[in-house]
Protein backbone atom coordinates (compact mmCIF):
# COMPACT_ATOMS: atom_id res chain seq x y z
CA UNK A 1 97.94 68.45 48.30
CA UNK A 2 96.43 66.51 51.30
CA UNK A 3 96.20 69.68 53.14
CA UNK A 4 94.29 71.32 50.23
CA UNK A 5 91.81 68.29 49.90
CA UNK A 6 91.16 68.24 53.68
CA UNK A 7 90.27 72.07 53.60
CA UNK A 8 87.99 71.47 50.48
CA UNK A 9 86.39 68.85 52.35
CA UNK A 10 85.78 70.98 55.45
CA UNK A 11 84.60 73.94 53.18
CA UNK A 12 82.01 71.67 51.56
CA UNK A 13 80.89 70.53 55.15
CA UNK A 14 80.50 74.22 55.89
CA UNK A 15 78.66 74.89 52.94
CA UNK A 16 76.23 71.94 53.57
CA UNK A 17 75.58 72.94 57.02
CA UNK A 18 74.91 76.54 55.84
CA UNK A 19 72.43 75.39 53.45
CA UNK A 20 70.63 73.54 56.27
CA UNK A 21 70.45 76.41 58.38
CA UNK A 22 69.21 78.60 55.42
CA UNK A 23 66.52 76.44 54.71
CA UNK A 24 65.19 76.46 58.15
CA UNK A 25 65.27 80.20 58.52
CA UNK A 26 63.36 80.41 55.09
CA UNK A 27 60.63 77.97 56.40
CA UNK A 28 60.28 79.86 59.71
CA UNK A 29 60.10 83.09 57.61
CA UNK A 30 57.31 81.59 55.57
CA UNK A 31 55.48 80.82 58.66
CA UNK A 32 55.58 84.29 59.99
CA UNK A 33 54.76 85.75 56.44
CA UNK A 34 50.66 85.82 56.93
CA UNK A 35 51.23 87.60 60.32
CA UNK A 36 53.40 90.14 58.74
CA UNK A 37 51.09 91.15 56.11
CA UNK A 38 48.19 91.15 58.64
CA UNK A 39 50.29 93.41 60.99
CA UNK A 40 51.32 95.61 57.85
CA UNK A 41 47.87 95.97 56.92
CA UNK A 42 46.55 96.94 60.45
CA UNK A 43 49.57 99.41 60.60
CA UNK A 44 48.72 101.43 57.41
CA UNK A 45 45.11 101.43 58.00
CA UNK A 46 45.73 102.87 61.36
CA UNK A 47 48.16 105.42 59.94
CA UNK A 48 45.55 106.51 57.47
CA UNK A 49 42.75 107.16 59.98
CA UNK A 50 44.05 110.65 60.60
CA UNK A 51 43.17 111.63 56.96
CA UNK A 52 39.70 110.89 57.89
CA UNK A 53 39.52 112.76 61.16
CA UNK A 54 42.35 114.36 63.12
CA UNK A 55 40.97 113.27 66.28
CA UNK A 56 41.57 109.58 65.31
CA UNK A 57 45.40 110.29 65.31
CA UNK A 58 45.42 110.35 69.04
CA UNK A 59 43.01 107.15 69.01
CA UNK A 60 45.37 105.25 66.86
CA UNK A 61 48.21 105.28 69.62
CA UNK A 62 45.55 104.35 72.34
CA UNK A 63 44.31 101.43 70.05
CA UNK A 64 47.73 100.07 69.29
CA UNK A 65 48.84 100.40 73.00
CA UNK A 66 45.58 98.73 74.21
CA UNK A 67 45.55 95.76 71.82
CA UNK A 68 49.18 94.79 71.64
CA UNK A 69 50.61 95.65 75.03
CA UNK A 70 48.11 94.31 77.52
């Protein structure tokens, strides 16, 4: 019976530690959310440029490379 109590106590401690880690991950995720939304918007805007003009398809790759990989 004592062994079961000890194991239960250890499991509860691990659950508490996991909750702390999950809260930290959620906090960091919320910090990156505005940037992720902006990047998503830029990506889909650049992807749709080729429907306006086929020459912009090549430009899209040049823009992405120039802006983000300098």
